[in-house]
Structures are given as C-alpha cells and as structure tokens.
N, C-alpha and C. Protein backbone atom coordinates (compact mmCIF):
# COMPACT_ATOMS: atom_id res chain seq x y z
N MET A 1 84.31 85.27 72.98
CA MET A 1 85.67 84.93 72.61
C MET A 1 86.48 84.74 73.89
N THR A 2 87.28 83.71 73.93
CA THR A 2 88.12 83.47 75.09
C THR A 2 89.41 84.28 74.97
N LEU A 3 90.11 84.38 76.07
CA LEU A 3 91.38 85.10 76.07
C LEU A 3 92.38 84.40 75.15
N LYS A 4 92.36 83.08 75.14
CA LYS A 4 93.26 82.32 74.26
C LYS A 4 92.96 82.62 72.79
N GLU A 5 91.68 82.69 72.43
CA GLU A 5 91.31 83.03 71.05
C GLU A 5 91.75 84.44 70.71
N LEU A 6 91.59 85.35 71.63
CA LEU A 6 92.02 86.73 71.41
C LEU A 6 93.53 86.79 71.21
N GLU A 7 94.25 86.05 72.02
CA GLU A 7 95.71 86.02 71.90
C GLU A 7 96.12 85.54 70.50
N GLU A 8 95.47 84.52 70.01
CA GLU A 8 95.77 84.01 68.66
C GLU A 8 95.51 85.08 67.60
N LYS A 9 94.40 85.78 67.75
CA LYS A 9 94.07 86.84 66.79
C LYS A 9 95.07 87.99 66.87
N LEU A 10 95.50 88.34 68.08
CA LEU A 10 96.48 89.41 68.23
C LEU A 10 97.81 89.05 67.59
N ARG A 11 98.22 87.81 67.73
CA ARG A 11 99.48 87.37 67.12
C ARG A 11 99.43 87.45 65.60
N ALA A 12 98.25 87.34 65.03
CA ALA A 12 98.10 87.37 63.57
C ALA A 12 98.09 88.79 63.00
N LEU A 13 98.00 89.79 63.86
CA LEU A 13 97.97 91.17 63.38
C LEU A 13 99.32 91.61 62.83
N SER A 14 99.27 92.58 61.93
CA SER A 14 100.50 93.19 61.43
C SER A 14 101.09 94.06 62.53
N PRO A 15 102.36 94.41 62.43
CA PRO A 15 102.95 95.30 63.45
C PRO A 15 102.16 96.61 63.61
N ALA A 16 101.71 97.21 62.54
CA ALA A 16 100.93 98.45 62.63
C ALA A 16 99.61 98.22 63.34
N GLU A 17 98.98 97.09 63.08
CA GLU A 17 97.71 96.77 63.74
C GLU A 17 97.93 96.52 65.24
N LYS A 18 99.07 95.91 65.58
CA LYS A 18 99.38 95.67 67.00
C LYS A 18 99.57 96.99 67.73
N VAL A 19 100.24 97.94 67.08
CA VAL A 19 100.43 99.26 67.69
C VAL A 19 99.07 99.91 67.94
N GLU A 20 98.19 99.82 66.97
CA GLU A 20 96.85 100.40 67.12
C GLU A 20 96.08 99.70 68.24
N ALA A 21 96.20 98.39 68.33
CA ALA A 21 95.54 97.65 69.41
C ALA A 21 96.07 98.09 70.77
N LEU A 22 97.38 98.29 70.88
CA LEU A 22 97.96 98.78 72.13
C LEU A 22 97.46 100.17 72.47
N ARG A 23 97.35 101.03 71.47
CA ARG A 23 96.85 102.38 71.70
C ARG A 23 95.44 102.34 72.26
N ILE A 24 94.60 101.51 71.67
CA ILE A 24 93.21 101.38 72.12
C ILE A 24 93.16 100.87 73.56
N LEU A 25 93.95 99.86 73.87
CA LEU A 25 93.97 99.32 75.24
C LEU A 25 94.50 100.33 76.24
N ALA A 26 95.55 101.05 75.87
CA ALA A 26 96.12 102.05 76.78
C ALA A 26 95.10 103.14 77.07
N LEU A 27 94.38 103.61 76.07
CA LEU A 27 93.36 104.63 76.29
C LEU A 27 92.26 104.10 77.19
N ASP A 28 91.87 102.87 76.98
CA ASP A 28 90.82 102.27 77.80
C ASP A 28 91.27 102.15 79.26
N LEU A 29 92.52 101.78 79.47
CA LEU A 29 93.02 101.62 80.84
C LEU A 29 93.14 102.93 81.57
N THR A 30 93.39 104.02 80.88
CA THR A 30 93.52 105.31 81.57
C THR A 30 92.18 105.80 82.08
N HIS A 31 91.09 105.23 81.61
CA HIS A 31 89.76 105.64 82.06
C HIS A 31 89.17 104.65 83.06
N THR A 32 89.91 103.60 83.35
CA THR A 32 89.43 102.57 84.26
C THR A 32 90.43 102.41 85.40
N TRP A 33 89.93 102.50 86.61
CA TRP A 33 90.78 102.31 87.78
C TRP A 33 90.16 101.25 88.65
N PRO A 34 90.94 100.25 89.04
CA PRO A 34 90.38 99.22 89.90
C PRO A 34 89.95 99.82 91.23
N GLY A 35 88.74 99.51 91.62
CA GLY A 35 88.25 99.95 92.91
C GLY A 35 87.78 101.39 92.97
N VAL A 36 87.78 102.09 91.83
CA VAL A 36 87.37 103.49 91.78
C VAL A 36 86.34 103.64 90.67
N GLU A 37 85.30 104.42 90.96
CA GLU A 37 84.28 104.66 89.94
C GLU A 37 83.73 106.07 90.06
N LYS A 38 83.25 106.57 88.93
CA LYS A 38 82.56 107.86 88.89
C LYS A 38 81.14 107.57 88.44
N ARG A 39 80.18 108.04 89.25
CA ARG A 39 78.77 107.82 88.92
C ARG A 39 78.04 109.16 88.94
N PRO A 40 77.34 109.47 87.87
CA PRO A 40 76.56 110.71 87.87
C PRO A 40 75.58 110.70 89.04
N GLY A 41 75.49 111.81 89.73
CA GLY A 41 74.55 111.91 90.84
C GLY A 41 75.09 111.42 92.16
N VAL A 42 76.31 110.88 92.18
CA VAL A 42 76.92 110.42 93.43
C VAL A 42 78.16 111.27 93.67
N ALA A 43 78.16 111.98 94.78
CA ALA A 43 79.28 112.85 95.16
C ALA A 43 79.66 113.80 94.04
N GLY A 44 78.65 114.30 93.37
CA GLY A 44 78.90 115.26 92.30
C GLY A 44 79.66 114.68 91.11
N GLY A 45 79.63 113.38 90.97
CA GLY A 45 80.35 112.73 89.88
C GLY A 45 81.83 112.53 90.15
N ALA A 46 82.26 112.83 91.39
CA ALA A 46 83.68 112.66 91.75
C ALA A 46 84.04 111.18 91.79
N ALA A 47 85.32 110.91 91.62
CA ALA A 47 85.82 109.54 91.73
C ALA A 47 85.65 109.07 93.17
N CYS A 48 84.98 107.93 93.33
CA CYS A 48 84.70 107.37 94.66
C CYS A 48 85.20 105.93 94.73
N ILE A 49 85.36 105.48 95.95
CA ILE A 49 85.66 104.06 96.19
C ILE A 49 84.41 103.26 95.81
N VAL A 50 84.59 102.18 95.06
CA VAL A 50 83.44 101.35 94.69
C VAL A 50 82.74 100.87 95.95
N ARG A 51 81.47 100.59 95.84
CA ARG A 51 80.60 100.15 96.93
C ARG A 51 80.30 101.27 97.90
N THR A 52 80.85 102.46 97.71
CA THR A 52 80.66 103.54 98.67
C THR A 52 80.32 104.84 97.95
N ARG A 53 80.12 105.86 98.75
CA ARG A 53 79.95 107.22 98.24
C ARG A 53 81.10 108.08 98.75
N ILE A 54 82.23 107.45 99.03
CA ILE A 54 83.38 108.15 99.60
C ILE A 54 84.29 108.62 98.48
N PRO A 55 84.37 109.94 98.28
CA PRO A 55 85.24 110.46 97.22
C PRO A 55 86.72 110.28 97.55
N ILE A 56 87.49 110.07 96.52
CA ILE A 56 88.94 109.93 96.67
C ILE A 56 89.52 111.22 97.27
N TRP A 57 89.00 112.37 96.83
CA TRP A 57 89.54 113.64 97.34
C TRP A 57 89.33 113.77 98.85
N THR A 58 88.25 113.21 99.37
CA THR A 58 88.01 113.24 100.81
C THR A 58 89.10 112.47 101.55
N LEU A 59 89.40 111.29 101.05
CA LEU A 59 90.44 110.47 101.68
C LEU A 59 91.80 111.15 101.59
N GLU A 60 92.09 111.74 100.44
CA GLU A 60 93.37 112.45 100.27
C GLU A 60 93.44 113.65 101.21
N GLY A 61 92.34 114.35 101.36
CA GLY A 61 92.30 115.48 102.28
C GLY A 61 92.57 115.06 103.71
N CYS A 62 91.97 113.95 104.12
CA CYS A 62 92.21 113.44 105.47
C CYS A 62 93.67 113.03 105.65
N ARG A 63 94.22 112.41 104.63
CA ARG A 63 95.62 111.99 104.70
C ARG A 63 96.52 113.21 104.87
N ARG A 64 96.20 114.28 104.16
CA ARG A 64 97.00 115.51 104.27
C ARG A 64 96.88 116.15 105.65
N LEU A 65 95.78 115.88 106.32
CA LEU A 65 95.59 116.38 107.68
C LEU A 65 96.30 115.51 108.71
N GLY A 66 96.94 114.46 108.24
CA GLY A 66 97.72 113.61 109.14
C GLY A 66 97.04 112.34 109.59
N TRP A 67 95.86 112.05 109.04
CA TRP A 67 95.19 110.82 109.42
C TRP A 67 95.98 109.62 108.93
N SER A 68 96.13 108.64 109.77
CA SER A 68 96.78 107.39 109.38
C SER A 68 95.79 106.53 108.61
N GLU A 69 96.31 105.53 107.95
CA GLU A 69 95.41 104.60 107.27
C GLU A 69 94.53 103.87 108.27
N GLY A 70 95.08 103.57 109.43
CA GLY A 70 94.28 102.93 110.48
C GLY A 70 93.10 103.79 110.89
N ARG A 71 93.35 105.08 111.05
CA ARG A 71 92.24 105.98 111.42
C ARG A 71 91.21 106.07 110.30
N LEU A 72 91.68 106.14 109.06
CA LEU A 72 90.74 106.18 107.94
C LEU A 72 89.84 104.95 107.94
N LEU A 73 90.44 103.79 108.19
CA LEU A 73 89.65 102.55 108.20
C LEU A 73 88.68 102.52 109.37
N GLU A 74 89.05 103.14 110.48
CA GLU A 74 88.13 103.23 111.62
C GLU A 74 86.99 104.20 111.36
N GLU A 75 87.32 105.35 110.80
CA GLU A 75 86.33 106.40 110.56
C GLU A 75 85.39 106.08 109.40
N PHE A 76 85.88 105.30 108.45
CA PHE A 76 85.08 104.89 107.30
C PHE A 76 84.99 103.37 107.30
N PRO A 77 84.11 102.80 108.12
CA PRO A 77 84.09 101.34 108.31
C PRO A 77 83.78 100.52 107.07
N THR A 78 83.25 101.15 106.02
CA THR A 78 82.99 100.39 104.80
C THR A 78 84.25 100.23 103.95
N LEU A 79 85.31 100.95 104.31
CA LEU A 79 86.56 100.85 103.55
C LEU A 79 87.35 99.61 103.94
N ARG A 80 88.10 99.14 102.97
CA ARG A 80 89.05 98.04 103.18
C ARG A 80 90.44 98.59 102.91
N ALA A 81 91.44 97.92 103.41
CA ALA A 81 92.82 98.37 103.20
C ALA A 81 93.13 98.50 101.70
N GLY A 82 92.67 97.56 100.90
CA GLY A 82 92.89 97.62 99.46
C GLY A 82 92.26 98.84 98.82
N ASP A 83 91.17 99.33 99.40
CA ASP A 83 90.53 100.53 98.87
C ASP A 83 91.47 101.73 98.98
N LEU A 84 92.22 101.78 100.07
CA LEU A 84 93.15 102.89 100.25
C LEU A 84 94.30 102.81 99.25
N VAL A 85 94.76 101.61 98.96
CA VAL A 85 95.80 101.44 97.94
C VAL A 85 95.29 102.00 96.61
N ASN A 86 94.06 101.66 96.26
CA ASN A 86 93.48 102.15 95.00
C ASN A 86 93.29 103.66 95.04
N ALA A 87 92.87 104.18 96.19
CA ALA A 87 92.67 105.63 96.32
C ALA A 87 93.97 106.38 96.14
N TRP A 88 95.06 105.91 96.76
CA TRP A 88 96.34 106.61 96.65
C TRP A 88 96.88 106.52 95.23
N ALA A 89 96.67 105.40 94.57
CA ALA A 89 97.11 105.28 93.18
C ALA A 89 96.35 106.25 92.28
N TYR A 90 95.03 106.33 92.50
CA TYR A 90 94.22 107.24 91.70
C TYR A 90 94.62 108.69 91.96
N ALA A 91 94.77 109.04 93.23
CA ALA A 91 95.14 110.42 93.58
C ALA A 91 96.50 110.78 92.99
N GLY A 92 97.42 109.84 93.00
CA GLY A 92 98.74 110.10 92.43
C GLY A 92 98.72 110.28 90.93
N ALA A 93 97.80 109.60 90.28
CA ALA A 93 97.71 109.68 88.82
C ALA A 93 96.86 110.86 88.35
N HIS A 94 96.06 111.43 89.25
CA HIS A 94 95.15 112.54 88.89
C HIS A 94 95.31 113.72 89.85
N PRO A 95 96.52 114.23 90.01
CA PRO A 95 96.73 115.28 91.01
C PRO A 95 95.92 116.56 90.75
N ALA A 96 95.79 116.96 89.50
CA ALA A 96 95.03 118.19 89.21
C ALA A 96 93.57 118.03 89.59
N GLU A 97 92.99 116.88 89.30
CA GLU A 97 91.59 116.62 89.65
C GLU A 97 91.39 116.67 91.17
N ILE A 98 92.30 116.06 91.90
CA ILE A 98 92.19 116.02 93.35
C ILE A 98 92.37 117.42 93.94
N GLU A 99 93.36 118.14 93.45
CA GLU A 99 93.60 119.51 93.93
C GLU A 99 92.38 120.39 93.70
N GLU A 100 91.79 120.29 92.54
CA GLU A 100 90.60 121.10 92.22
C GLU A 100 89.45 120.76 93.15
N ALA A 101 89.24 119.47 93.38
CA ALA A 101 88.14 119.05 94.28
C ALA A 101 88.40 119.54 95.70
N LEU A 102 89.64 119.49 96.16
CA LEU A 102 89.95 119.96 97.50
C LEU A 102 89.73 121.48 97.60
N ARG A 103 90.15 122.23 96.58
CA ARG A 103 89.93 123.69 96.57
C ARG A 103 88.45 124.01 96.57
N GLU A 104 87.68 123.32 95.74
CA GLU A 104 86.23 123.57 95.68
C GLU A 104 85.58 123.29 97.01
N ASN A 105 85.99 122.23 97.68
CA ASN A 105 85.42 121.88 98.97
C ASN A 105 85.79 122.91 100.03
N GLU A 106 87.04 123.38 100.00
CA GLU A 106 87.46 124.41 100.95
C GLU A 106 86.66 125.69 100.79
N ALA A 107 86.35 126.04 99.53
CA ALA A 107 85.62 127.27 99.24
C ALA A 107 84.15 127.18 99.62
N ALA A 108 83.64 125.95 99.69
CA ALA A 108 82.21 125.77 99.96
C ALA A 108 81.86 126.01 101.41
C-alpha cells in the first residue's frame, strides 16, 4: 500500500477510528528512535547508536564529565554529528533509564 492509499483510507475512518489509529501510531513511535537501537546481546541490551556498540548512557556519561561533542566525535570515530543529536534526544526522553545505567556502571 502506498502512503497516498493509506491517506485515503485514513480519511474514510470515523472520528473514533482516527483516535484509535493515532493511539496506535503514538505507541509505536515511543518505541522507535531514529538512530538508536536495542539489540539483545549487544551492550547488555542497552540503547546504542545504530551501526555501533556505543551505548547512549556512555555518551551521556562522557558529556557529564565535560566532554565536548568534538571530543566525543574524535574519541568515537564511528560516530557522526547526527548520532549525537539522536543520543541527546533519547537521553532526554529516557532519563530514568540513563540514570540507572550510569549507576550500574559506576557500581561495577
């Protein structure tokens, strides 16, 4: 189905059906982050930058230590500037997850 066909079908829904469609899409979007993925067996299943094994919590921890984005890009040569934008957005949206990962790492 093309996006245009989907749009036509969405317009034909009742108001209640449209609300349900929005609910489904919103739930789906909260589990999907551009440039971030969780893979079993990689970094303990932590959220990582795609194409890498670099956890978001690691980048956030470095940032809290005062590392600039320039330094992060130098120290992690597989990263791109856009990856950091995605990392900061993810960290901002999941503060409890990041805090827990940082605490666990400190304790280890």
